[in-house]
Amino acid sequence: MSTIAMPAAQEPPAVANPIFATIPLEAEGKSHGFLRLPCSRDESAWGVIQIPITVIANGPGPTALLTGANHGDEYEGPIALQGLAHDLEPEAVTGRVILVPYMNFPAFRAARRTSPLDGMNLNRSFPGRPDGSATEKIADYFLRRLVPMADAVLDYHSGGKSLDFIPFAAAHLQSDPDHEAACIAAMRAFNAPYSMTLREIDAVGMYDTACEAAGKVFVSTELGGGGSATARSAAIARRGAENFLRHVGVLAGAPEVAPSTDIDTTEGRCYHFAPCDGMLEMLVDLGEDVQTGQPVARIWRLDCSGTAPETVRATHTGILAARHFPGLVGSGDCLAVVASVVSRR
């Protein structure tokens, strides 16, 4: 009885990410263009999402990747990067700088933390998928195409619509002490009024984690909040970008230095969450000292008057580094973050 030989099982072909750059990412000089993502949707059946990108290159040297609007309701990064894209000329650069002011462009246009196209949080979507939703495709493109080009990455954040922060640059704890030291040095070079070492509540799927796992020098920020930017927070963002580029060798000169305070949130007790729904009354302002056991907020009931509020007390000593921004809170909302003060420089 004859048998028919069956072909050996084969791996399915790799799926290519449909995003493509409309400018050459390796070219010398200054180029403005888009990362173009095909996106069929109700408003445009054959439409594309056009994520603005600027590349400024001048000879051999390091590459720095600077991104804003990873969350679409945060504005300090986009302001700083739009300014750099306009002002910075190739003659001032050694190597290359890649500027993406609106990384999560659909969320930015909608002034939302998450994408209106798929409801996903870009900063919890890495490594992404080349054949996934719009957000997953953006994550995959950045991680597979842009991050490998970079020696150092700066990703701007602020509190968006739900939080407000003291202005700080941040670096995470790393398993490799040399890598951790390099990230902390870049964080301090950014020279925000505060410099924070931290451990995330949940680092799974973060751009930060993906860049750090790829061995990149990585710095993040939190520079304010409330869904807007102030003159002060925007100025900190722009000065910090230039300091970061000087530190990594893309711009000449040493970073500007101003007084800064080192703070730390690697202690889990620093996070405080609302135990119930209600109206928020903060009892401590940002940057003020906090002692363990001290009342930091009250939550008043919404359905009646004359009842005692729920008091939230500090479980950690330090300074108030972050607070919930809107006047109403829900059970489980992050209400306050108390950071330890390590040193003042």
C-alpha atoms as a PDB file:
ATOM      1  CA  MET A   1       0.000   0.000   0.000  1.00  0.00           C
ATOM      2  CA  SER A   2       1.529   3.259  -1.056  1.00  0.00           C
ATOM      3  CA  THR A   3       1.613   6.285   1.158  1.00  0.00           C
ATOM      4  CA  ILE A   4       1.528   9.898   0.209  1.00  0.00           C
ATOM      5  CA  ALA A   5       4.267  11.999   1.731  1.00  0.00           C
ATOM      6  CA  MET A   6       2.847  15.016   3.529  1.00  0.00           C
ATOM      7  CA  PRO A   7       4.764  18.296   3.327  1.00  0.00           C
ATOM      8  CA  ALA A   8       6.563  19.294   6.486  1.00  0.00           C
ATOM      9  CA  ALA A   9       4.789  21.830   8.625  1.00  0.00           C
ATOM     10  CA  GLN A  10       6.053  25.309   8.008  1.00  0.00           C
ATOM     11  CA  GLU A  11       6.041  28.399  10.139  1.00  0.00           C
ATOM     12  CA  PRO A  12       3.615  31.015   8.853  1.00  0.00           C
ATOM     13  CA  PRO A  13       5.373  33.927   7.178  1.00  0.00           C
ATOM     14  CA  ALA A  14       6.214  36.857   9.408  1.00  0.00           C
ATOM     15  CA  VAL A  15       3.665  39.638   9.236  1.00  0.00           C
ATOM     16  CA  ALA A  16       5.044  42.999   8.198  1.00  0.00           C
ATOM     17  CA  ASN A  17       3.945  46.102  10.063  1.00  0.00           C
ATOM     18  CA  PRO A  18       1.981  48.296   7.624  1.00  0.00           C
ATOM     19  CA  ILE A  19       3.308  51.543   9.122  1.00  0.00           C
ATOM     20  CA  PHE A  20       5.875  53.243   6.924  1.00  0.00           C
ATOM     21  CA  ALA A  21       7.796  56.492   7.176  1.00  0.00           C
ATOM     22  CA  THR A  22       7.257  59.075   4.465  1.00  0.00           C
ATOM     23  CA  ILE A  23      10.805  60.383   5.030  1.00  0.00           C
ATOM     24  CA  PRO A  24      14.141  58.523   5.022  1.00  0.00           C
ATOM     25  CA  LEU A  25      15.031  57.883   8.659  1.00  0.00           C
ATOM     26  CA  GLU A  26      18.753  57.544   7.855  1.00  0.00           C
ATOM     27  CA  ALA A  27      19.155  60.673   5.700  1.00  0.00           C
ATOM     28  CA  GLU A  28      21.408  63.583   6.626  1.00  0.00           C
ATOM     29  CA  GLY A  29      19.910  67.009   7.251  1.00  0.00           C
ATOM     30  CA  LYS A  30      16.460  67.850   8.561  1.00  0.00           C
ATOM     31  CA  SER A  31      13.353  66.012   7.376  1.00  0.00           C
ATOM     32  CA  HIS A  32       9.712  66.401   8.393  1.00  0.00           C
ATOM     33  CA  GLY A  33       7.154  63.761   7.541  1.00  0.00           C
ATOM     34  CA  PHE A  34       4.816  61.133   8.904  1.00  0.00           C
ATOM     35  CA  LEU A  35       4.624  57.599  10.157  1.00  0.00           C
ATOM     36  CA  ARG A  36       1.683  56.525   8.002  1.00  0.00           C
ATOM     37  CA  LEU A  37      -0.619  53.794   9.328  1.00  0.00           C
ATOM     38  CA  PRO A  38      -3.403  52.504   7.063  1.00  0.00           C
ATOM     39  CA  CYS A  39      -6.618  52.560   9.071  1.00  0.00           C
ATOM     40  CA  SER A  40     -10.013  51.721   7.630  1.00  0.00           C
ATOM     41  CA  ARG A  41     -12.721  53.251   9.794  1.00  0.00           C
ATOM     42  CA  ASP A  42     -16.218  54.704   9.554  1.00  0.00           C
ATOM     43  CA  GLU A  43     -14.929  58.183   8.723  1.00  0.00           C
ATOM     44  CA  SER A  44     -12.464  57.053   6.040  1.00  0.00           C
ATOM     45  CA  ALA A  45     -12.684  53.595   4.486  1.00  0.00           C
ATOM     46  CA  TRP A  46      -9.246  53.857   2.844  1.00  0.00           C
ATOM     47  CA  GLY A  47      -7.783  56.325   5.289  1.00  0.00           C
ATOM     48  CA  VAL A  48      -4.460  56.532   7.053  1.00  0.00           C
ATOM     49  CA  ILE A  49      -3.298  57.817  10.436  1.00  0.00           C
ATOM     50  CA  GLN A  50      -0.428  60.259   9.960  1.00  0.00           C
ATOM     51  CA  ILE A  51       1.860  60.493  12.989  1.00  0.00           C
ATOM     52  CA  PRO A  52       4.203  63.501  12.590  1.00  0.00           C
ATOM     53  CA  ILE A  53       7.934  62.777  12.797  1.00  0.00           C
ATOM     54  CA  THR A  54      11.067  64.880  12.385  1.00  0.00           C
ATOM     55  CA  VAL A  55      14.577  63.499  11.912  1.00  0.00           C
ATOM     56  CA  ILE A  56      17.616  65.765  12.267  1.00  0.00           C
ATOM     57  CA  ALA A  57      20.963  64.151  11.435  1.00  0.00           C
ATOM     58  CA  ASN A  58      24.519  65.338  10.991  1.00  0.00           C
ATOM     59  CA  GLY A  59      27.272  62.765  10.555  1.00  0.00           C
ATOM     60  CA  PRO A  60      28.256  59.881  12.815  1.00  0.00           C
ATOM     61  CA  GLY A  61      27.303  59.940  16.475  1.00  0.00           C
ATOM     62  CA  PRO A  62      24.636  58.799  18.916  1.00  0.00           C
ATOM     63  CA  THR A  63      20.929  58.625  18.135  1.00  0.00           C
ATOM     64  CA  ALA A  64      18.354  59.993  20.574  1.00  0.00           C
ATOM     65  CA  LEU A  65      14.640  59.190  20.262  1.00  0.00           C
ATOM     66  CA  LEU A  66      12.308  61.719  21.936  1.00  0.00           C
ATOM     67  CA  THR A  67       8.568  61.040  22.192  1.00  0.00           C
ATOM     68  CA  GLY A  68       5.529  62.898  23.509  1.00  0.00           C
ATOM     69  CA  ALA A  69       1.799  62.139  23.852  1.00  0.00           C
ATOM     70  CA  ASN A  70       2.275  58.452  24.612  1.00  0.00           C
ATOM     71  CA  HIS A  71      -0.935  59.368  26.430  1.00  0.00           C
ATOM     72  CA  GLY A  72      -3.032  61.784  24.421  1.00  0.00           C
ATOM     73  CA  ASP A  73      -4.032  64.173  27.216  1.00  0.00           C
ATOM     74  CA  GLU A  74      -0.465  65.154  28.197  1.00  0.00           C
ATOM     75  CA  TYR A  75       1.012  68.267  26.604  1.00  0.00           C
ATOM     76  CA  GLU A  76       4.443  69.240  27.933  1.00  0.00           C
ATOM     77  CA  GLY A  77       6.254  66.763  25.700  1.00  0.00           C
ATOM     78  CA  PRO A  78       4.421  67.729  22.507  1.00  0.00           C
ATOM     79  CA  ILE A  79       5.095  71.420  23.174  1.00  0.00           C
ATOM     80  CA  ALA A  80       8.813  70.840  23.772  1.00  0.00           C
ATOM     81  CA  LEU A  81       9.231  68.529  20.781  1.00  0.00           C
ATOM     82  CA  GLN A  82       7.335  70.757  18.371  1.00  0.00           C
ATOM     83  CA  GLY A  83       9.637  73.577  19.439  1.00  0.00           C
ATOM     84  CA  LEU A  84      12.734  71.455  18.873  1.00  0.00           C
ATOM     85  CA  ALA A  85      11.469  70.219  15.505  1.00  0.00           C
ATOM     86  CA  HIS A  86      11.103  73.830  14.401  1.00  0.00           C
ATOM     87  CA  ASP A  87      14.203  75.362  15.993  1.00  0.00           C
ATOM     88  CA  LEU A  88      16.921  72.699  15.925  1.00  0.00           C
ATOM     89  CA  GLU A  89      19.154  72.703  12.839  1.00  0.00           C
ATOM     90  CA  PRO A  90      21.500  69.940  11.643  1.00  0.00           C
ATOM     91  CA  GLU A  91      24.634  72.046  12.210  1.00  0.00           C
ATOM     92  CA  ALA A  92      23.973  71.909  15.961  1.00  0.00           C
ATOM     93  CA  VAL A  93      23.636  68.104  15.979  1.00  0.00           C
ATOM     94  CA  THR A  94      26.230  65.345  16.214  1.00  0.00           C
ATOM     95  CA  GLY A  95      24.613  62.077  15.215  1.00  0.00           C
ATOM     96  CA  ARG A  96      20.840  62.029  14.991  1.00  0.00           C
ATOM     97  CA  VAL A  97      17.712  63.028  16.893  1.00  0.00           C
ATOM     98  CA  ILE A  98      14.302  61.520  16.113  1.00  0.00           C
ATOM     99  CA  LEU A  99      11.361  63.609  17.331  1.00  0.00           C
ATOM    100  CA  VAL A 100       7.811  62.224  17.555  1.00  0.00           C
ATOM    101  CA  PRO A 101       5.672  64.872  19.295  1.00  0.00           C
ATOM    102  CA  TYR A 102       2.431  62.849  19.161  1.00  0.00           C
ATOM    103  CA  MET A 103       3.334  59.197  19.567  1.00  0.00           C
ATOM    104  CA  ASN A 104      -0.271  58.130  20.188  1.00  0.00           C
ATOM    105  CA  PHE A 105      -1.734  60.442  17.563  1.00  0.00           C
ATOM    106  CA  PRO A 106      -5.335  59.112  17.641  1.00  0.00           C
ATOM    107  CA  ALA A 107      -5.489  59.633  21.420  1.00  0.00           C
ATOM    108  CA  PHE A 108      -3.845  63.052  21.123  1.00  0.00           C
ATOM    109  CA  ARG A 109      -6.394  64.282  18.582  1.00  0.00           C
ATOM    110  CA  ALA A 110      -9.177  63.083  20.878  1.00  0.00           C
ATOM    111  CA  ALA A 111      -7.518  64.564  24.022  1.00  0.00           C
ATOM    112  CA  ARG A 112      -7.807  61.140  25.648  1.00  0.00           C
ATOM    113  CA  ARG A 113      -5.411  58.962  27.595  1.00  0.00           C
ATOM    114  CA  THR A 114      -6.401  55.961  25.500  1.00  0.00           C
ATOM    115  CA  SER A 115      -7.034  55.574  21.778  1.00  0.00           C
ATOM    116  CA  PRO A 116     -10.557  56.227  20.500  1.00  0.00           C
ATOM    117  CA  LEU A 117      -9.919  53.644  17.772  1.00  0.00           C
ATOM    118  CA  ASP A 118      -9.541  50.579  19.982  1.00  0.00           C
ATOM    119  CA  GLY A 119      -9.751  51.812  23.584  1.00  0.00           C
ATOM    120  CA  MET A 120      -6.177  50.711  24.275  1.00  0.00           C
ATOM    121  CA  ASN A 121      -3.544  52.417  26.420  1.00  0.00           C
ATOM    122  CA  LEU A 122      -0.388  52.634  24.273  1.00  0.00           C
ATOM    123  CA  ASN A 123       1.814  52.591  27.366  1.00  0.00           C
ATOM    124  CA  ARG A 124       0.388  49.204  28.360  1.00  0.00           C
ATOM    125  CA  SER A 125       0.466  47.715  24.843  1.00  0.00           C
ATOM    126  CA  PHE A 126       4.123  46.821  24.262  1.00  0.00           C
ATOM    127  CA  PRO A 127       5.586  44.857  22.550  1.00  0.00           C
ATOM    128  CA  GLY A 128       2.543  45.295  20.344  1.00  0.00           C
ATOM    129  CA  ARG A 129       1.606  43.300  17.249  1.00  0.00           C
ATOM    130  CA  PRO A 130       2.209  44.071  13.580  1.00  0.00           C
ATOM    131  CA  ASP A 131      -1.196  42.525  12.759  1.00  0.00           C
ATOM    132  CA  GLY A 132      -3.049  43.902  15.783  1.00  0.00           C
ATOM    133  CA  SER A 133      -5.201  46.936  16.403  1.00  0.00           C
ATOM    134  CA  ALA A 134      -4.016  50.464  15.605  1.00  0.00           C
ATOM    135  CA  THR A 135      -2.447  50.901  19.049  1.00  0.00           C
ATOM    136  CA  GLU A 136      -0.708  47.520  18.876  1.00  0.00           C
ATOM    137  CA  LYS A 137       0.692  48.367  15.442  1.00  0.00           C
ATOM    138  CA  ILE A 138       2.080  51.682  16.721  1.00  0.00           C
ATOM    139  CA  ALA A 139       3.710  49.898  19.670  1.00  0.00           C
ATOM    140  CA  ASP A 140       5.218  47.236  17.401  1.00  0.00           C
ATOM    141  CA  TYR A 141       6.606  49.816  14.964  1.00  0.00           C
ATOM    142  CA  PHE A 142       8.281  51.846  17.663  1.00  0.00           C
ATOM    143  CA  LEU A 143       9.783  48.803  19.357  1.00  0.00           C
ATOM    144  CA  ARG A 144      10.914  46.997  16.174  1.00  0.00           C
ATOM    145  CA  ARG A 145      11.895  49.967  14.002  1.00  0.00           C
ATOM    146  CA  LEU A 146      12.664  53.154  15.963  1.00  0.00           C
ATOM    147  CA  VAL A 147      13.936  51.925  19.337  1.00  0.00           C
ATOM    148  CA  PRO A 148      16.697  49.754  17.773  1.00  0.00           C
ATOM    149  CA  MET A 149      18.007  52.885  16.025  1.00  0.00           C
ATOM    150  CA  ALA A 150      18.356  54.743  19.324  1.00  0.00           C
ATOM    151  CA  ASP A 151      21.067  54.825  21.973  1.00  0.00           C
ATOM    152  CA  ALA A 152      18.931  56.837  24.385  1.00  0.00           C
ATOM    153  CA  VAL A 153      15.173  57.419  24.699  1.00  0.00           C
ATOM    154  CA  LEU A 154      13.268  60.253  26.404  1.00  0.00           C
ATOM    155  CA  ASP A 155       9.512  59.741  26.763  1.00  0.00           C
ATOM    156  CA  TYR A 156       7.482  62.636  28.175  1.00  0.00           C
ATOM    157  CA  HIS A 157       4.552  62.199  30.536  1.00  0.00           C
ATOM    158  CA  SER A 158       2.442  64.314  32.847  1.00  0.00           C
ATOM    159  CA  GLY A 159      -0.685  63.625  34.869  1.00  0.00           C
ATOM    160  CA  GLY A 160      -3.166  64.071  32.059  1.00  0.00           C
ATOM    161  CA  LYS A 161      -6.738  64.770  33.099  1.00  0.00           C
ATOM    162  CA  SER A 162      -6.744  62.576  36.199  1.00  0.00           C
ATOM    163  CA  LEU A 163      -3.542  63.467  38.095  1.00  0.00           C
ATOM    164  CA  ASP A 164      -1.289  66.404  38.893  1.00  0.00           C
ATOM    165  CA  PHE A 165       2.418  66.027  39.729  1.00  0.00           C
ATOM    166  CA  ILE A 166       5.328  67.990  41.000  1.00  0.00           C
ATOM    167  CA  PRO A 167       7.631  68.304  37.944  1.00  0.00           C
ATOM    168  CA  PHE A 168      10.097  65.415  37.888  1.00  0.00           C
ATOM    169  CA  ALA A 169      12.220  63.306  35.571  1.00  0.00           C
ATOM    170  CA  ALA A 170      12.224  59.604  36.390  1.00  0.00           C
ATOM    171  CA  ALA A 171      14.370  56.488  36.107  1.00  0.00           C
ATOM    172  CA  HIS A 172      13.421  52.952  37.086  1.00  0.00           C
ATOM    173  CA  LEU A 173      15.278  50.441  39.180  1.00  0.00           C
ATOM    174  CA  GLN A 174      17.089  47.953  36.932  1.00  0.00           C
ATOM    175  CA  SER A 175      18.478  44.468  37.475  1.00  0.00           C
ATOM    176  CA  ASP A 176      21.755  45.596  35.849  1.00  0.00           C
ATOM    177  CA  PRO A 177      23.467  48.166  38.108  1.00  0.00           C
ATOM    178  CA  ASP A 178      25.433  49.690  35.229  1.00  0.00           C
ATOM    179  CA  HIS A 179      22.293  50.163  33.143  1.00  0.00           C
ATOM    180  CA  GLU A 180      20.476  51.616  36.155  1.00  0.00           C
ATOM    181  CA  ALA A 181      23.343  54.046  36.787  1.00  0.00           C
ATOM    182  CA  ALA A 182      23.287  55.189  33.145  1.00  0.00           C
ATOM    183  CA  CYS A 183      19.533  55.851  33.286  1.00  0.00           C
ATOM    184  CA  ILE A 184      19.836  57.722  36.594  1.00  0.00           C
ATOM    185  CA  ALA A 185      22.670  59.860  35.226  1.00  0.00           C
ATOM    186  CA  ALA A 186      20.515  60.824  32.218  1.00  0.00           C
ATOM    187  CA  MET A 187      17.554  61.527  34.510  1.00  0.00           C
ATOM    188  CA  ARG A 188      19.648  63.882  36.620  1.00  0.00           C
ATOM    189  CA  ALA A 189      21.046  65.566  33.511  1.00  0.00           C
ATOM    190  CA  PHE A 190      17.465  66.396  32.450  1.00  0.00           C
ATOM    191  CA  ASN A 191      17.544  68.548  35.608  1.00  0.00           C
ATOM    192  CA  ALA A 192      13.869  68.844  36.430  1.00  0.00           C
ATOM    193  CA  PRO A 193      13.131  70.410  39.818  1.00  0.00           C
ATOM    194  CA  TYR A 194      12.748  66.836  41.117  1.00  0.00           C
ATOM    195  CA  SER A 195      14.456  63.592  40.044  1.00  0.00           C
ATOM    196  CA  MET A 196      12.629  60.385  40.991  1.00  0.00           C
ATOM    197  CA  THR A 197      13.747  56.771  41.155  1.00  0.00           C
ATOM    198  CA  LEU A 198      10.671  54.582  41.079  1.00  0.00           C
ATOM    199  CA  ARG A 199       9.110  51.182  40.748  1.00  0.00           C
ATOM    200  CA  GLU A 200       5.825  51.063  38.803  1.00  0.00           C
ATOM    201  CA  ILE A 201       2.629  49.631  40.265  1.00  0.00           C
ATOM    202  CA  ASP A 202       2.369  47.542  37.083  1.00  0.00           C
ATOM    203  CA  ALA A 203       5.192  47.720  34.517  1.00  0.00           C
ATOM    204  CA  VAL A 204       3.770  45.071  32.161  1.00  0.00           C
ATOM    205  CA  GLY A 205       3.351  46.357  28.614  1.00  0.00           C
ATOM    206  CA  MET A 206       5.042  49.700  29.237  1.00  0.00           C
ATOM    207  CA  TYR A 207       7.175  51.498  26.642  1.00  0.00           C
ATOM    208  CA  ASP A 208       9.592  52.137  29.514  1.00  0.00           C
ATOM    209  CA  THR A 209       9.978  48.436  30.232  1.00  0.00           C
ATOM    210  CA  ALA A 210      10.384  47.546  26.556  1.00  0.00           C
ATOM    211  CA  CYS A 211      13.089  50.182  25.991  1.00  0.00           C
ATOM    212  CA  GLU A 212      14.934  49.208  29.157  1.00  0.00           C
ATOM    213  CA  ALA A 213      14.784  45.508  28.218  1.00  0.00           C
ATOM    214  CA  ALA A 214      16.378  46.496  24.900  1.00  0.00           C
ATOM    215  CA  GLY A 215      19.274  48.013  26.848  1.00  0.00           C
ATOM    216  CA  LYS A 216      18.505  51.636  26.053  1.00  0.00           C
ATOM    217  CA  VAL A 217      19.228  54.560  28.342  1.00  0.00           C
ATOM    218  CA  PHE A 218      15.671  55.561  29.187  1.00  0.00           C
ATOM    219  CA  VAL A 219      14.240  58.605  30.963  1.00  0.00           C
ATOM    220  CA  SER A 220      10.594  59.420  31.572  1.00  0.00           C
ATOM    221  CA  THR A 221       8.928  62.441  33.171  1.00  0.00           C
ATOM    222  CA  GLU A 222       5.858  63.628  35.006  1.00  0.00           C
ATOM    223  CA  LEU A 223       5.723  67.397  34.549  1.00  0.00           C
ATOM    224  CA  GLY A 224       2.323  68.552  35.785  1.00  0.00           C
ATOM    225  CA  GLY A 225      -1.177  67.495  34.865  1.00  0.00           C
ATOM    226  CA  GLY A 226      -4.799  68.468  34.790  1.00  0.00           C
ATOM    227  CA  GLY A 227      -5.007  67.941  31.039  1.00  0.00           C
ATOM    228  CA  SER A 228      -3.031  71.081  30.198  1.00  0.00           C
ATOM    229  CA  ALA A 229       0.440  72.622  30.432  1.00  0.00           C
ATOM    230  CA  THR A 230       1.646  75.725  32.231  1.00  0.00           C
ATOM    231  CA  ALA A 231       4.349  78.154  31.144  1.00  0.00           C
ATOM    232  CA  ARG A 232       6.585  76.673  33.870  1.00  0.00           C
ATOM    233  CA  SER A 233       5.985  73.017  32.970  1.00  0.00           C
ATOM    234  CA  ALA A 234       6.500  73.664  29.245  1.00  0.00           C
ATOM    235  CA  ALA A 235       9.770  75.491  29.969  1.00  0.00           C
ATOM    236  CA  ILE A 236      10.985  72.587  32.128  1.00  0.00           C
ATOM    237  CA  ALA A 237      10.169  70.177  29.298  1.00  0.00           C
ATOM    238  CA  ARG A 238      12.088  72.168  26.675  1.00  0.00           C
ATOM    239  CA  ARG A 239      15.130  72.798  28.879  1.00  0.00           C
ATOM    240  CA  GLY A 240      15.141  69.143  29.900  1.00  0.00           C
ATOM    241  CA  ALA A 241      15.136  67.941  26.290  1.00  0.00           C
ATOM    242  CA  GLU A 242      18.153  70.087  25.470  1.00  0.00           C
ATOM    243  CA  ASN A 243      19.934  68.918  28.639  1.00  0.00           C
ATOM    244  CA  PHE A 244      19.192  65.280  27.742  1.00  0.00           C
ATOM    245  CA  LEU A 245      20.589  65.776  24.233  1.00  0.00           C
ATOM    246  CA  ARG A 246      23.725  67.405  25.655  1.00  0.00           C
ATOM    247  CA  HIS A 247      24.162  64.547  28.111  1.00  0.00           C
ATOM    248  CA  VAL A 248      24.016  61.846  25.417  1.00  0.00           C
ATOM    249  CA  GLY A 249      26.307  63.816  23.076  1.00  0.00           C
ATOM    250  CA  VAL A 250      23.844  64.860  20.370  1.00  0.00           C
ATOM    251  CA  LEU A 251      24.185  68.531  21.328  1.00  0.00           C
ATOM    252  CA  ALA A 252      27.458  70.148  22.359  1.00  0.00           C
ATOM    253  CA  GLY A 253      28.163  71.438  25.841  1.00  0.00           C
ATOM    254  CA  ALA A 254      27.255  70.396  29.346  1.00  0.00           C
ATOM    255  CA  PRO A 255      23.676  70.254  30.659  1.00  0.00           C
ATOM    256  CA  GLU A 256      22.465  73.314  32.513  1.00  0.00           C
ATOM    257  CA  VAL A 257      22.362  72.756  36.247  1.00  0.00           C
ATOM    258  CA  ALA A 258      19.812  74.154  38.701  1.00  0.00           C
ATOM    259  CA  PRO A 259      18.848  73.069  42.231  1.00  0.00           C
ATOM    260  CA  SER A 260      17.022  69.745  42.230  1.00  0.00           C
ATOM    261  CA  THR A 261      15.641  67.333  44.817  1.00  0.00           C
ATOM    262  CA  ASP A 262      16.116  63.563  44.558  1.00  0.00           C
ATOM    263  CA  ILE A 263      12.976  61.675  45.522  1.00  0.00           C
ATOM    264  CA  ASP A 264      12.018  58.007  45.575  1.00  0.00           C
ATOM    265  CA  THR A 265       8.795  55.999  45.257  1.00  0.00           C
ATOM    266  CA  THR A 266      10.191  52.478  45.335  1.00  0.00           C
ATOM    267  CA  GLU A 267       8.410  51.972  48.676  1.00  0.00           C
ATOM    268  CA  GLY A 268       4.976  50.485  48.001  1.00  0.00           C
ATOM    269  CA  ARG A 269       3.295  52.417  50.807  1.00  0.00           C
ATOM    270  CA  CYS A 270       3.764  55.672  48.906  1.00  0.00           C
ATOM    271  CA  TYR A 271       0.567  55.087  46.879  1.00  0.00           C
ATOM    272  CA  HIS A 272      -2.774  56.082  48.418  1.00  0.00           C
ATOM    273  CA  PHE A 273      -6.103  55.045  46.903  1.00  0.00           C
ATOM    274  CA  ALA A 274      -9.647  56.328  47.438  1.00  0.00           C
ATOM    275  CA  PRO A 275     -11.630  53.938  49.646  1.00  0.00           C
ATOM    276  CA  CYS A 276     -14.987  55.167  48.340  1.00  0.00           C
ATOM    277  CA  ASP A 277     -16.727  57.453  45.870  1.00  0.00           C
ATOM    278  CA  GLY A 278     -17.201  61.106  46.725  1.00  0.00           C
ATOM    279  CA  MET A 279     -16.002  64.692  46.546  1.00  0.00           C
ATOM    280  CA  LEU A 280     -12.300  65.199  47.145  1.00  0.00           C
ATOM    281  CA  GLU A 281     -10.897  67.715  49.607  1.00  0.00           C
ATOM    282  CA  MET A 282      -7.096  67.734  49.587  1.00  0.00           C
ATOM    283  CA  LEU A 283      -5.520  68.679  52.916  1.00  0.00           C
ATOM    284  CA  VAL A 284      -1.941  68.880  51.572  1.00  0.00           C
ATOM    285  CA  ASP A 285      -0.681  70.620  48.447  1.00  0.00           C
ATOM    286  CA  LEU A 286       1.908  69.338  45.982  1.00  0.00           C
ATOM    287  CA  GLY A 287       5.466  69.568  47.275  1.00  0.00           C
ATOM    288  CA  GLU A 288       4.457  69.916  50.924  1.00  0.00           C
ATOM    289  CA  ASP A 289       5.872  67.702  53.664  1.00  0.00           C
ATOM    290  CA  VAL A 290       3.781  64.748  54.832  1.00  0.00           C
ATOM    291  CA  GLN A 291       4.196  62.614  57.960  1.00  0.00           C
ATOM    292  CA  THR A 292       2.988  59.052  58.438  1.00  0.00           C
ATOM    293  CA  GLY A 293      -0.507  59.136  59.943  1.00  0.00           C
ATOM    294  CA  GLN A 294      -1.187  62.705  58.837  1.00  0.00           C
ATOM    295  CA  PRO A 295      -4.552  63.316  57.126  1.00  0.00           C
ATOM    296  CA  VAL A 296      -3.874  64.061  53.454  1.00  0.00           C
ATOM    297  CA  ALA A 297      -7.435  64.149  52.098  1.00  0.00           C
ATOM    298  CA  ARG A 298     -11.098  63.913  52.952  1.00  0.00           C
ATOM    299  CA  ILE A 299     -13.808  62.363  50.799  1.00  0.00           C
ATOM    300  CA  TRP A 300     -17.310  63.763  51.252  1.00  0.00           C
ATOM    301  CA  ARG A 301     -20.476  61.869  50.406  1.00  0.00           C
ATOM    302  CA  LEU A 302     -22.443  63.044  47.374  1.00  0.00           C
ATOM    303  CA  ASP A 303     -25.907  61.795  48.277  1.00  0.00           C
ATOM    304  CA  CYS A 304     -26.513  63.746  51.477  1.00  0.00           C
ATOM    305  CA  SER A 305     -25.186  66.523  53.723  1.00  0.00           C
ATOM    306  CA  GLY A 306     -24.216  66.573  57.369  1.00  0.00           C
ATOM    307  CA  THR A 307     -22.336  63.276  57.466  1.00  0.00           C
ATOM    308  CA  ALA A 308     -18.687  62.831  58.465  1.00  0.00           C
ATOM    309  CA  PRO A 309     -16.197  62.501  55.596  1.00  0.00           C
ATOM    310  CA  GLU A 310     -13.888  59.569  54.982  1.00  0.00           C
ATOM    311  CA  THR A 311     -10.372  60.648  56.000  1.00  0.00           C
ATOM    312  CA  VAL A 312      -7.356  59.288  54.158  1.00  0.00           C
ATOM    313  CA  ARG A 313      -4.154  59.277  56.215  1.00  0.00           C
ATOM    314  CA  ALA A 314      -0.596  59.063  54.959  1.00  0.00           C
ATOM    315  CA  THR A 315       1.004  55.647  55.202  1.00  0.00           C
ATOM    316  CA  HIS A 316       4.401  57.079  54.277  1.00  0.00           C
ATOM    317  CA  THR A 317       6.582  60.054  55.234  1.00  0.00           C
ATOM    318  CA  GLY A 318       7.913  62.385  52.539  1.00  0.00           C
ATOM    319  CA  ILE A 319       6.448  65.035  50.236  1.00  0.00           C
ATOM    320  CA  LEU A 320       3.234  65.017  48.250  1.00  0.00           C
ATOM    321  CA  ALA A 321       4.451  64.188  44.736  1.00  0.00           C
ATOM    322  CA  ALA A 322       1.100  63.560  43.049  1.00  0.00           C
ATOM    323  CA  ARG A 323      -2.601  64.050  43.683  1.00  0.00           C
ATOM    324  CA  HIS A 324      -5.879  63.174  42.022  1.00  0.00           C
ATOM    325  CA  PHE A 325      -6.898  66.098  39.847  1.00  0.00           C
ATOM    326  CA  PRO A 326     -10.681  66.239  39.302  1.00  0.00           C
ATOM    327  CA  GLY A 327     -12.871  67.181  42.254  1.00  0.00           C
ATOM    328  CA  LEU A 328     -14.766  63.884  42.247  1.00  0.00           C
ATOM    329  CA  VAL A 329     -13.156  60.513  42.973  1.00  0.00           C
ATOM    330  CA  GLY A 330     -14.212  56.916  42.607  1.00  0.00           C
ATOM    331  CA  SER A 331     -13.320  53.969  44.777  1.00  0.00           C
ATOM    332  CA  GLY A 332      -9.847  52.736  43.806  1.00  0.00           C
ATOM    333  CA  ASP A 333      -8.705  55.988  42.188  1.00  0.00           C
ATOM    334  CA  CYS A 334      -5.114  56.951  42.952  1.00  0.00           C
ATOM    335  CA  LEU A 335      -5.624  59.779  45.417  1.00  0.00           C
ATOM    336  CA  ALA A 336      -2.078  60.743  46.383  1.00  0.00           C
ATOM    337  CA  VAL A 337       1.544  59.672  46.049  1.00  0.00           C
ATOM    338  CA  VAL A 338       3.957  60.481  48.875  1.00  0.00           C
ATOM    339  CA  ALA A 339       7.600  60.329  47.774  1.00  0.00           C
ATOM    340  CA  SER A 340      10.598  59.937  50.064  1.00  0.00           C
ATOM    341  CA  VAL A 341      13.111  62.782  49.974  1.00  0.00           C
ATOM    342  CA  VAL A 342      16.571  61.332  49.351  1.00  0.00           C
ATOM    343  CA  SER A 343      18.720  64.430  48.921  1.00  0.00           C
ATOM    344  CA  ARG A 344      18.685  68.017  47.734  1.00  0.00           C
ATOM    345  CA  ARG A 345      21.246  69.121  45.142  1.00  0.00           C
END
